[in-house]
Amino acid sequence: MIQLFHVYKTYARDVEALVDINLHIQKGEFVFLAGPSGAGKTTLLRLIFRDELPTSGQILVNGRNVVKLPDRAIPHLRRSIGVIFQDFKLLRDRSIFDNLALVYRVLGIPSATGKRKVANLLKLVGLSHKVQMTPYKLSGGEQQRVAIARALMNDPLLLLADEPTGDLDVDLSMDVMRLLGDINARGTTVVVATHDMDMVRELGRRTIVLKAGRVVEEHP
C-alpha cells in the first residue's frame, strides 16, 4: 500500500525534516508513526498524500509513484485517501450533516446516495442523534469522531490520522483508537501519527518510531 525508498525532506536553511526514510506498509495494516514533536511524523504524512514533495527519494501509494504524479492527477490520488487532522478542521458554523455533505457534493455523489452515506457514517461513529448540531456544541471527542466520519466519506483505501488524540483525555483517546481499529478491521489501511508512547505500547500495534527525522526503531 505504501512504500518509501530513501526519502529525504529538507527545508530552508538546511533543516532536515526527514533523513533516508525506507519503509513498507502493507494493505490492511494498522501502523503507528510514533515520536516526539518535531520528529517528522506530520511531514511524512504530508508526503504520502502529496501535500508536499520530498527533496529526494521515491514514494509509492497503492502502486502509484506520487512524486512523479502530474498536478492534474493529485485529486484522483486523494480520493483514495482519508485524512484526519489534530485540530479537526470542521466548519464550525455549519451542522454536522453539512460538514459531511460538503464532501459528497464535491465528489459529485448523487444527493440521495450521499445522504445515506452521511447517515451510515454518523451511525458508525455514534453521532446520529447530533446530526443537526454545530461543532462548537460538541465535545472534543465528538468533534474528532465527526472528523473521522468526514474522512471516510470517500470510502478511502488508506486513512491517515495526524495526532488524532492529541487534545483528548485518556478515555476519549482510547475511544477514538477503538473506532480507528474498527475501521481497520473493515479493510482500510490505517496510519496514525502520535507522540503518545503509553497509548502505543498499550495497543500493541506495529510501530515505526521517528526521532529527528530518522527511523530509529520499529516493532513488533
Protein backbone atom coordinates (compact mmCIF):
# COMPACT_ATOMS: atom_id res chain seq x y z
CA MET A 1 0.00 0.00 0.00
CA ILE A 2 2.79 2.48 0.97
CA GLN A 3 6.48 2.22 0.05
CA LEU A 4 9.17 4.83 0.71
CA PHE A 5 12.66 4.50 -0.75
CA HIS A 6 15.48 6.70 0.57
CA VAL A 7 13.16 9.64 1.21
CA TYR A 8 14.68 12.93 2.35
CA LYS A 9 12.90 16.20 3.10
CA THR A 10 14.97 19.32 3.71
CA TYR A 11 13.51 22.76 4.33
CA ALA A 12 15.17 26.17 4.11
CA ARG A 13 18.44 26.73 5.99
CA ASP A 14 19.24 23.02 5.71
CA VAL A 15 16.60 21.92 8.23
CA GLU A 16 16.37 18.14 7.78
CA ALA A 17 12.80 17.04 8.47
CA LEU A 18 13.27 13.51 7.14
CA VAL A 19 16.51 11.62 6.54
CA ASP A 20 16.77 8.45 4.42
CA ILE A 21 13.34 7.01 5.22
CA ASN A 22 12.71 3.48 3.96
CA LEU A 23 9.50 1.73 4.92
CA HIS A 24 6.78 -0.56 3.61
CA ILE A 25 3.20 -0.62 4.92
CA GLN A 26 1.05 -3.46 3.66
CA LYS A 27 -2.56 -3.14 2.57
CA GLY A 28 -4.87 -3.61 5.56
CA GLU A 29 -2.25 -2.83 8.22
CA PHE A 30 -2.69 -0.57 11.23
CA VAL A 31 0.57 1.27 11.87
CA PHE A 32 1.67 3.93 14.35
CA LEU A 33 4.19 6.60 13.39
CA ALA A 34 5.43 7.49 16.85
CA GLY A 35 7.88 10.01 18.21
CA PRO A 36 8.20 13.39 19.91
CA SER A 37 7.12 16.72 18.46
CA GLY A 38 9.39 17.67 15.58
CA ALA A 39 10.33 14.08 14.78
CA GLY A 40 8.98 14.32 11.21
CA LYS A 41 5.67 12.49 11.60
CA THR A 42 3.45 15.18 10.09
CA THR A 43 5.89 15.79 7.25
CA LEU A 44 5.85 12.09 6.42
CA LEU A 45 2.06 12.03 6.26
CA ARG A 46 2.03 15.12 4.04
CA LEU A 47 4.38 13.44 1.61
CA ILE A 48 2.14 10.37 1.42
CA PHE A 49 -0.96 12.31 0.36
CA ARG A 50 1.14 14.59 -1.84
CA ASP A 51 0.61 17.77 0.16
CA GLU A 52 4.37 18.21 -0.17
CA LEU A 53 7.14 16.71 -2.31
CA PRO A 54 10.28 15.08 -0.93
CA THR A 55 13.66 16.67 -1.57
CA SER A 56 14.72 13.28 -2.92
CA GLY A 57 13.56 9.68 -2.90
CA GLN A 58 10.51 7.82 -4.18
CA ILE A 59 7.08 7.25 -2.62
CA LEU A 60 4.59 4.68 -3.88
CA VAL A 61 0.98 4.74 -2.70
CA ASN A 62 -1.24 1.92 -3.92
CA GLY A 63 1.20 1.26 -6.75
CA ARG A 64 1.49 4.88 -7.94
CA ASN A 65 4.64 6.95 -7.62
CA VAL A 66 3.23 10.10 -6.05
CA VAL A 67 6.49 12.00 -6.57
CA LYS A 68 6.04 11.80 -10.34
CA LEU A 69 2.30 12.47 -10.44
CA PRO A 70 1.29 15.45 -12.59
CA ASP A 71 -0.74 18.07 -10.75
CA ARG A 72 -3.92 17.05 -12.59
CA ALA A 73 -3.66 13.53 -11.11
CA ILE A 74 -3.34 14.62 -7.47
CA PRO A 75 -7.11 14.95 -6.82
CA HIS A 76 -7.61 11.38 -8.03
CA LEU A 77 -4.91 10.16 -5.65
CA ARG A 78 -6.51 11.97 -2.72
CA ARG A 79 -9.91 10.45 -3.45
CA SER A 80 -8.47 7.14 -2.25
CA ILE A 81 -7.06 8.68 0.96
CA GLY A 82 -8.85 9.96 4.06
CA VAL A 83 -7.02 12.43 6.30
CA ILE A 84 -7.80 13.26 9.95
CA PHE A 85 -6.19 16.35 11.47
CA GLN A 86 -5.49 17.07 15.14
CA ASP A 87 -7.43 20.34 15.03
CA PHE A 88 -10.43 18.69 13.30
CA LYS A 89 -10.75 21.40 10.58
CA LEU A 90 -14.54 21.36 10.81
CA LEU A 91 -16.74 24.20 9.56
CA ARG A 92 -17.88 25.49 12.92
CA ASP A 93 -20.86 27.48 11.62
CA ARG A 94 -22.29 24.51 9.72
CA SER A 95 -24.17 21.50 11.07
CA ILE A 96 -22.55 18.10 11.37
CA PHE A 97 -24.62 16.98 8.41
CA ASP A 98 -23.41 19.91 6.30
CA ASN A 99 -19.77 19.20 7.19
CA LEU A 100 -20.12 15.71 5.75
CA ALA A 101 -22.48 16.66 2.92
CA LEU A 102 -19.90 19.06 1.53
CA VAL A 103 -17.68 16.07 0.74
CA TYR A 104 -20.28 14.18 -1.31
CA ARG A 105 -21.16 17.35 -3.20
CA VAL A 106 -17.51 17.95 -4.10
CA LEU A 107 -17.16 14.32 -5.15
CA GLY A 108 -20.26 14.55 -7.32
CA ILE A 109 -22.11 11.80 -5.44
CA PRO A 110 -25.90 11.94 -6.04
CA SER A 111 -27.76 13.58 -3.18
CA ALA A 112 -29.79 10.54 -2.14
CA THR A 113 -26.68 8.33 -2.09
CA GLY A 114 -24.72 10.97 -0.22
CA LYS A 115 -27.38 11.41 2.43
CA ARG A 116 -27.46 7.66 3.05
CA LYS A 117 -23.70 7.64 3.37
CA VAL A 118 -23.78 10.51 5.89
CA ALA A 119 -26.41 8.68 7.93
CA ASN A 120 -24.45 5.42 7.88
CA LEU A 121 -21.17 7.08 8.90
CA LEU A 122 -22.73 9.08 11.72
CA LYS A 123 -24.23 5.83 12.97
CA LEU A 124 -20.78 4.21 12.78
CA VAL A 125 -19.23 6.95 14.94
CA GLY A 126 -22.22 7.10 17.31
CA LEU A 127 -23.44 10.60 16.47
CA SER A 128 -26.70 10.04 14.60
CA HIS A 129 -28.58 11.93 17.31
CA LYS A 130 -26.46 15.07 16.84
CA VAL A 131 -26.67 15.41 13.07
CA GLN A 132 -28.07 18.96 13.15
CA MET A 133 -25.73 20.30 15.84
CA THR A 134 -22.81 22.57 15.02
CA PRO A 135 -19.28 21.54 16.06
CA TYR A 136 -18.92 24.16 18.80
CA LYS A 137 -21.72 22.39 20.70
CA LEU A 138 -19.83 19.09 20.68
CA SER A 139 -17.08 17.82 22.96
CA GLY A 140 -13.55 17.37 21.63
CA GLY A 141 -14.05 13.63 21.32
CA GLU A 142 -17.29 14.11 19.40
CA GLN A 143 -15.67 16.59 17.05
CA GLN A 144 -12.90 14.10 16.37
CA ARG A 145 -15.48 11.44 15.55
CA VAL A 146 -17.13 13.83 13.09
CA ALA A 147 -13.71 14.39 11.52
CA ILE A 148 -13.27 10.62 11.22
CA ALA A 149 -16.69 10.25 9.58
CA ARG A 150 -15.82 13.01 7.13
CA ALA A 151 -12.54 11.31 6.25
CA LEU A 152 -14.48 8.13 5.42
CA MET A 153 -16.95 9.82 3.05
CA ASN A 154 -14.86 8.89 0.00
CA ASP A 155 -14.52 5.21 1.05
CA PRO A 156 -10.72 5.56 1.31
CA LEU A 157 -8.35 2.66 0.86
CA LEU A 158 -5.96 4.49 3.18
CA LEU A 159 -6.72 6.55 6.30
CA LEU A 160 -4.03 8.90 7.66
CA ALA A 161 -4.51 10.39 11.14
CA ASP A 162 -2.23 13.14 12.44
CA GLU A 163 -2.26 13.21 16.27
CA PRO A 164 -5.99 12.33 16.36
CA THR A 165 -5.96 12.09 20.16
CA GLY A 166 -3.57 14.95 20.89
CA ASP A 167 -6.18 17.17 22.56
CA LEU A 168 -8.20 14.40 24.22
CA ASP A 169 -8.04 12.81 27.65
CA VAL A 170 -7.08 9.17 28.12
CA ASP A 171 -10.60 7.72 27.97
CA LEU A 172 -11.61 9.69 24.88
CA SER A 173 -8.30 8.83 23.24
CA MET A 174 -8.97 5.13 23.68
CA ASP A 175 -12.50 5.57 22.29
CA VAL A 176 -11.06 7.17 19.16
CA MET A 177 -8.44 4.44 18.80
CA ARG A 178 -11.06 1.72 19.16
CA LEU A 179 -13.05 3.38 16.39
CA LEU A 180 -9.99 3.51 14.15
CA GLY A 181 -9.38 -0.16 14.96
CA ASP A 182 -12.93 -0.99 13.86
CA ILE A 183 -12.38 0.91 10.60
CA ASN A 184 -9.14 -1.01 10.04
CA ALA A 185 -10.97 -4.29 10.67
CA ARG A 186 -13.27 -3.41 7.76
CA GLY A 187 -10.24 -3.43 5.43
CA THR A 188 -8.96 0.15 5.45
CA THR A 189 -5.23 0.66 5.89
CA VAL A 190 -4.71 3.00 8.86
CA VAL A 191 -1.61 5.05 9.68
CA VAL A 192 -1.66 7.09 12.90
CA ALA A 193 0.95 9.69 13.87
CA THR A 194 1.21 10.18 17.64
CA HIS A 195 3.58 11.28 20.37
CA ASP A 196 1.68 9.22 22.99
CA MET A 197 4.05 6.31 23.59
CA ASP A 198 1.98 4.98 26.52
CA MET A 199 -1.02 4.53 24.22
CA VAL A 200 1.15 2.96 21.54
CA ARG A 201 2.56 0.43 23.99
CA GLU A 202 -0.90 -0.39 25.36
CA LEU A 203 -2.39 -1.06 21.93
CA GLY A 204 0.48 -3.22 20.71
CA ARG A 205 0.23 -2.39 17.01
CA ARG A 206 3.11 -2.23 14.58
CA THR A 207 5.04 0.95 15.41
CA ILE A 208 7.63 2.94 13.47
CA VAL A 209 9.47 5.33 15.79
CA LEU A 210 10.90 8.57 14.39
CA LYS A 211 13.41 10.88 16.04
CA ALA A 212 14.93 13.96 14.41
CA GLY A 213 13.62 12.82 11.03
CA ARG A 214 15.07 9.32 11.16
CA VAL A 215 13.55 5.90 11.77
CA VAL A 216 15.25 4.81 14.98
CA GLU A 217 13.13 1.84 15.97
CA GLU A 218 10.43 -0.44 14.63
CA HIS A 219 8.33 -3.07 16.38
CA PRO A 220 6.89 -5.63 16.51
